[in-house]
N, C-alpha and C. Protein backbone atom coordinates (compact mmCIF):
# COMPACT_ATOMS: atom_id res chain seq x y z
N MET A 1 33.94 43.16 -18.50
CA MET A 1 34.74 43.89 -19.42
C MET A 1 34.05 45.08 -19.85
N PRO A 2 34.75 46.34 -20.35
CA PRO A 2 34.43 47.17 -20.80
C PRO A 2 34.19 47.48 -22.15
N ASP A 3 32.92 48.13 -22.64
CA ASP A 3 32.48 47.72 -24.18
C ASP A 3 33.90 48.17 -24.91
N GLY A 4 34.20 47.64 -26.11
CA GLY A 4 35.01 47.98 -27.11
C GLY A 4 36.30 47.38 -26.84
N VAL A 5 36.16 46.41 -25.94
CA VAL A 5 37.70 45.64 -25.73
C VAL A 5 37.61 44.50 -26.00
N ARG A 6 38.69 43.59 -26.56
CA ARG A 6 38.27 42.23 -26.78
C ARG A 6 38.92 41.17 -25.57
N GLY A 7 39.20 41.82 -24.50
CA GLY A 7 40.34 41.05 -23.69
C GLY A 7 41.35 41.86 -22.78
N ALA A 8 42.09 41.44 -22.52
CA ALA A 8 43.08 42.22 -21.50
C ALA A 8 44.49 41.53 -21.59
N LEU A 9 45.58 42.10 -22.47
CA LEU A 9 46.66 41.96 -22.48
C LEU A 9 47.54 41.84 -21.33
N VAL A 10 48.16 40.48 -21.03
CA VAL A 10 49.01 40.38 -20.06
C VAL A 10 50.43 41.33 -20.16
N GLN A 11 50.48 41.96 -19.44
CA GLN A 11 51.91 43.01 -19.40
C GLN A 11 52.94 42.47 -18.56
N ARG A 12 52.47 41.59 -17.67
CA ARG A 12 53.47 40.87 -16.36
C ARG A 12 52.80 40.28 -15.58
N VAL A 13 53.76 39.11 -15.48
CA VAL A 13 53.33 38.06 -14.33
C VAL A 13 54.45 38.08 -13.37
N THR A 14 53.90 38.42 -12.18
CA THR A 14 54.84 38.14 -10.74
C THR A 14 55.10 36.75 -10.56
N THR A 15 56.15 36.74 -10.18
CA THR A 15 56.94 35.45 -9.37
C THR A 15 55.92 34.96 -8.22
N ARG A 16 55.55 36.06 -7.54
CA ARG A 16 54.88 35.31 -6.41
C ARG A 16 53.53 34.72 -6.67
N HIS A 17 53.39 33.42 -5.79
CA HIS A 17 52.21 32.51 -6.05
C HIS A 17 50.93 33.17 -5.94
N ASP A 18 51.02 34.21 -5.08
CA ASP A 18 49.86 35.08 -4.92
C ASP A 18 49.85 36.64 -5.39
N GLY A 19 50.98 36.89 -5.94
CA GLY A 19 51.47 38.11 -6.77
C GLY A 19 49.89 38.33 -8.02
N PRO A 20 50.04 39.87 -8.22
CA PRO A 20 49.04 40.44 -9.13
C PRO A 20 49.65 40.16 -10.79
N LEU A 21 48.33 40.32 -11.62
CA LEU A 21 48.39 40.11 -12.86
C LEU A 21 48.53 41.80 -13.23
N ASP A 22 49.37 42.28 -14.30
CA ASP A 22 49.27 43.34 -14.78
C ASP A 22 48.81 43.38 -16.15
N VAL A 23 47.77 43.98 -16.51
CA VAL A 23 46.88 43.70 -17.57
C VAL A 23 46.66 45.22 -18.31
N THR A 24 46.69 45.42 -19.50
CA THR A 24 46.16 46.76 -20.03
C THR A 24 44.91 46.02 -20.99
N TRP A 25 44.13 46.98 -21.11
CA TRP A 25 42.81 46.43 -22.07
C TRP A 25 43.41 46.71 -23.37
N LEU A 26 42.90 45.62 -24.15
CA LEU A 26 43.10 45.34 -25.46
C LEU A 26 41.92 45.74 -26.56
N ALA A 27 42.15 46.83 -27.30
CA ALA A 27 40.85 47.57 -27.89
C ALA A 27 40.38 46.30 -29.13
N ALA A 28 39.11 46.14 -29.20
CA ALA A 28 38.18 45.45 -29.84
C ALA A 28 38.97 45.25 -31.51
N GLU A 29 39.33 46.41 -31.83
CA GLU A 29 40.11 46.67 -33.29
C GLU A 29 41.19 46.06 -33.59
N THR A 30 41.85 45.73 -32.40
CA THR A 30 43.31 45.37 -32.49
C THR A 30 43.21 44.12 -33.26
N PRO A 31 44.43 43.86 -34.52
CA PRO A 31 44.20 42.78 -35.25
C PRO A 31 44.55 41.34 -34.84
N LYS A 32 45.74 41.42 -34.10
CA LYS A 32 45.98 40.32 -33.63
C LYS A 32 46.94 40.64 -32.63
N LEU A 33 47.15 39.55 -31.68
CA LEU A 33 48.24 39.51 -30.51
C LEU A 33 49.65 39.51 -31.07
N PRO A 34 50.60 40.27 -30.30
CA PRO A 34 51.91 40.04 -30.79
C PRO A 34 52.56 38.98 -30.32
N LEU A 35 53.42 38.61 -30.92
CA LEU A 35 53.95 37.22 -31.06
C LEU A 35 54.53 37.18 -29.40
N GLY A 36 54.08 36.14 -28.75
CA GLY A 36 54.42 35.65 -27.66
C GLY A 36 53.68 36.01 -26.51
N ARG A 37 52.90 36.89 -26.80
CA ARG A 37 51.96 37.69 -25.75
C ARG A 37 50.62 36.97 -25.55
N ILE A 38 50.18 37.12 -24.38
CA ILE A 38 48.80 36.56 -23.91
C ILE A 38 47.78 37.43 -23.79
N ARG A 39 46.60 36.91 -24.29
CA ARG A 39 45.41 37.94 -23.95
C ARG A 39 44.10 37.04 -23.16
N LEU A 40 43.74 37.56 -21.94
CA LEU A 40 42.85 37.15 -21.25
C LEU A 40 41.58 37.55 -21.83
N HIS A 41 40.49 36.94 -21.14
CA HIS A 41 38.89 37.20 -21.68
C HIS A 41 38.36 36.36 -20.46
N TRP A 42 37.32 37.43 -19.49
CA TRP A 42 36.57 36.52 -18.90
C TRP A 42 35.12 37.53 -18.58
N GLU A 43 34.33 36.13 -18.59
CA GLU A 43 33.07 36.76 -18.46
C GLU A 43 32.11 35.69 -17.48
N PRO A 44 31.11 36.44 -16.56
CA PRO A 44 30.51 35.61 -15.56
C PRO A 44 29.79 34.17 -15.97
N ALA A 45 30.12 33.26 -15.07
CA ALA A 45 29.59 31.70 -15.47
C ALA A 45 28.24 31.68 -15.31
N SER A 46 27.58 30.77 -15.89
CA SER A 46 26.06 30.82 -15.71
C SER A 46 25.73 30.54 -14.24
N ARG A 47 26.51 29.56 -13.64
CA ARG A 47 25.77 29.48 -12.19
C ARG A 47 26.94 30.27 -11.18
N SER A 48 27.93 30.24 -11.33
CA SER A 48 28.90 31.31 -10.25
C SER A 48 30.39 31.07 -10.86
N GLY A 49 30.87 32.34 -10.34
CA GLY A 49 32.46 32.11 -10.80
C GLY A 49 32.71 32.78 -12.00
N TRP A 50 33.67 32.72 -12.99
CA TRP A 50 33.90 33.38 -13.97
C TRP A 50 34.39 32.27 -14.79
N ASN A 51 34.19 32.55 -16.25
CA ASN A 51 34.67 31.74 -17.19
C ASN A 51 35.91 32.32 -18.01
N VAL A 52 37.16 31.90 -17.96
CA VAL A 52 38.19 32.47 -18.44
C VAL A 52 38.82 31.94 -19.28
N THR A 53 39.35 32.48 -20.48
CA THR A 53 39.96 32.33 -21.53
C THR A 53 41.47 32.59 -21.51
N ALA A 54 42.45 32.09 -22.01
CA ALA A 54 43.81 32.88 -22.60
C ALA A 54 43.83 32.53 -24.03
N HIS A 55 44.36 33.17 -24.86
CA HIS A 55 45.03 33.00 -26.11
C HIS A 55 46.31 33.53 -26.11
N LEU A 56 47.10 32.82 -26.55
CA LEU A 56 48.55 33.15 -27.07
C LEU A 56 49.01 33.54 -28.44
N GLY A 57 49.80 34.72 -28.44
CA GLY A 57 50.25 35.03 -30.12
C GLY A 57 51.22 34.41 -30.61
N LEU A 58 50.96 33.86 -31.86
CA LEU A 58 52.02 33.46 -32.41
C LEU A 58 52.45 34.12 -33.61
N ALA A 59 53.46 33.64 -34.27
CA ALA A 59 53.66 34.61 -35.31
C ALA A 59 52.70 34.81 -36.67
N SER A 60 51.94 33.67 -36.95
CA SER A 60 50.71 34.11 -38.04
C SER A 60 49.41 34.00 -37.25
N THR A 61 49.40 33.47 -36.49
CA THR A 61 47.89 33.43 -35.48
C THR A 61 47.61 33.52 -34.08
N GLU A 62 46.58 33.29 -33.57
CA GLU A 62 46.18 33.14 -32.31
C GLU A 62 45.91 31.82 -31.83
N VAL A 63 46.24 31.38 -30.75
CA VAL A 63 45.87 29.92 -30.48
C VAL A 63 45.38 30.07 -28.68
N HIS A 64 44.41 29.08 -28.87
CA HIS A 64 44.00 28.98 -27.59
C HIS A 64 44.72 28.34 -26.60
N LEU A 65 45.08 29.07 -25.57
CA LEU A 65 45.80 28.45 -24.69
C LEU A 65 45.33 27.62 -23.55
N ALA A 66 44.56 28.21 -22.78
CA ALA A 66 43.65 27.40 -21.89
C ALA A 66 42.31 27.87 -21.53
N SER A 67 41.47 27.16 -20.97
CA SER A 67 40.29 27.98 -20.51
C SER A 67 40.32 27.33 -18.88
N TRP A 68 39.45 28.41 -18.29
CA TRP A 68 38.96 27.80 -16.91
C TRP A 68 37.74 28.15 -16.35
N LEU A 69 36.87 27.01 -16.45
CA LEU A 69 35.52 27.24 -16.40
C LEU A 69 34.87 27.20 -14.85
N ALA A 70 33.97 28.20 -14.67
CA ALA A 70 33.35 28.67 -13.34
C ALA A 70 34.29 28.71 -12.39
N ALA A 71 35.62 29.57 -12.70
CA ALA A 71 36.43 29.84 -11.84
C ALA A 71 35.88 30.71 -10.75
N PRO A 72 36.73 30.38 -9.53
CA PRO A 72 36.17 31.34 -8.25
C PRO A 72 36.46 33.00 -8.47
N ASP A 73 35.95 33.56 -7.51
CA ASP A 73 36.61 35.38 -7.59
C ASP A 73 37.79 35.49 -7.91
N ASP A 74 38.49 34.38 -7.10
CA ASP A 74 39.90 34.91 -7.26
C ASP A 74 40.63 34.24 -8.16
N TRP A 75 40.32 34.09 -9.40
CA TRP A 75 40.48 33.47 -10.65
C TRP A 75 42.08 33.93 -11.08
N PRO A 76 42.45 35.16 -10.56
CA PRO A 76 43.74 35.42 -11.20
C PRO A 76 44.98 34.81 -10.34
N ARG A 77 44.74 34.10 -9.44
CA ARG A 77 45.34 33.27 -8.57
C ARG A 77 45.67 32.01 -9.16
N LEU A 78 44.34 31.37 -9.61
CA LEU A 78 44.58 30.33 -10.11
C LEU A 78 45.03 29.93 -11.76
N VAL A 79 44.80 31.24 -12.49
CA VAL A 79 45.68 31.06 -13.65
C VAL A 79 47.32 31.66 -13.99
N ARG A 80 47.63 32.54 -12.96
CA ARG A 80 48.63 32.98 -12.86
C ARG A 80 50.18 31.65 -12.75
N PRO A 81 50.02 30.50 -12.28
CA PRO A 81 50.91 29.69 -12.54
C PRO A 81 51.45 29.24 -14.06
N THR A 82 50.08 29.07 -14.98
CA THR A 82 50.07 28.94 -16.31
C THR A 82 50.61 29.72 -17.13
N LEU A 83 50.00 31.13 -16.61
CA LEU A 83 50.73 32.35 -17.33
C LEU A 83 52.28 32.36 -17.22
N HIS A 84 52.27 32.32 -15.93
CA HIS A 84 53.88 32.61 -15.53
C HIS A 84 54.77 31.56 -16.49
N GLU A 85 54.35 30.26 -16.59
CA GLU A 85 55.27 29.38 -17.22
C GLU A 85 55.30 29.57 -18.65
N VAL A 86 54.27 30.32 -19.40
CA VAL A 86 54.07 30.51 -20.63
C VAL A 86 54.95 31.46 -21.26
N THR A 87 54.83 32.51 -20.26
CA THR A 87 55.41 33.73 -20.67
C THR A 87 57.21 33.32 -20.61
N GLY A 88 57.39 32.65 -19.46
CA GLY A 88 58.86 32.13 -19.32
C GLY A 88 59.61 31.42 -20.48
N LEU A 89 58.64 30.57 -21.11
CA LEU A 89 59.04 29.87 -22.22
C LEU A 89 58.59 30.52 -23.15
N CYS A 90 58.13 31.66 -23.70
CA CYS A 90 58.28 32.35 -24.72
C CYS A 90 59.62 33.24 -24.64
N ALA A 91 59.72 33.53 -23.66
CA ALA A 91 60.84 34.63 -23.24
C ALA A 91 62.48 33.59 -23.58
N ALA A 92 62.14 32.54 -23.25
CA ALA A 92 63.54 31.01 -23.44
C ALA A 92 63.14 31.00 -24.95
N LEU A 93 62.49 30.90 -25.77
CA LEU A 93 62.28 30.88 -27.12
C LEU A 93 62.76 31.96 -28.12
N ALA A 94 62.62 33.07 -27.69
CA ALA A 94 63.01 34.34 -28.38
C ALA A 94 64.50 34.43 -27.99
N PHE A 95 65.06 34.11 -26.93
CA PHE A 95 66.36 34.26 -26.51
C PHE A 95 67.10 33.01 -27.53
N ALA A 96 66.70 32.07 -27.67
CA ALA A 96 67.52 30.82 -28.06
C ALA A 96 67.32 31.47 -29.93
N THR A 97 66.07 32.19 -30.04
CA THR A 97 65.75 32.37 -31.67
C THR A 97 67.23 33.55 -32.11
N ASP A 98 66.95 34.21 -31.00
CA ASP A 98 68.05 35.24 -31.49
C ASP A 98 69.69 34.91 -31.23
N ALA A 99 69.81 33.94 -30.28
CA ALA A 99 71.33 33.63 -30.39
C ALA A 99 71.57 32.45 -31.58
N LEU A 100 70.48 31.97 -32.24
CA LEU A 100 70.45 30.99 -33.46
C LEU A 100 70.88 32.11 -34.75
N ASP A 101 70.08 33.35 -34.38
CA ASP A 101 70.19 34.41 -35.47
C ASP A 101 71.78 34.75 -35.73
N LEU A 102 72.13 35.07 -34.54
CA LEU A 102 73.47 35.66 -34.25
C LEU A 102 74.69 34.40 -35.13
N SER A 103 74.44 33.39 -34.29
CA SER A 103 75.11 32.14 -34.97
C SER A 103 75.61 32.31 -36.52
N ASN A 104 73.99 32.26 -36.85
CA ASN A 104 74.28 32.04 -38.74
C ASN A 104 74.73 33.50 -39.11
N ARG A 105 74.61 34.36 -38.65
CA ARG A 105 75.52 35.63 -39.00
C ARG A 105 76.80 35.59 -39.22
N LEU A 106 77.14 35.05 -37.61
CA LEU A 106 78.77 35.21 -37.74
C LEU A 106 79.23 33.90 -38.62
N VAL A 107 78.69 32.74 -38.71
CA VAL A 107 79.06 32.01 -39.58
C VAL A 107 79.19 32.22 -40.91
N GLU A 108 78.49 32.93 -41.50
CA GLU A 108 77.90 33.40 -43.16
C GLU A 108 79.49 34.70 -42.93
N ALA A 109 79.71 35.24 -41.86
CA ALA A 109 80.62 36.43 -42.19
C ALA A 109 82.18 36.00 -42.52
């Protein structure tokens, strides 16, 4: 990873099982992850492969989402299913929250 970054912010996860992950570098001074966003960090493993970690942004904190220790060189293919499921879940929860907020406003009106 380049100097001055704390990971890569996942922008998009393709639906294809072998599709790419679209990411942008996340500056080291970035205070916290946006709600529902995922940060990846990877570094060479001690013997071979890569140690990859994923963190998820929640309303008030970041949580450890998953780790893949000594992942092979094609690790994006390995982590993509988990990232795809989590981004889908976050989108569904955001939609449900918006629907409930709208429902509550209509009841109060």
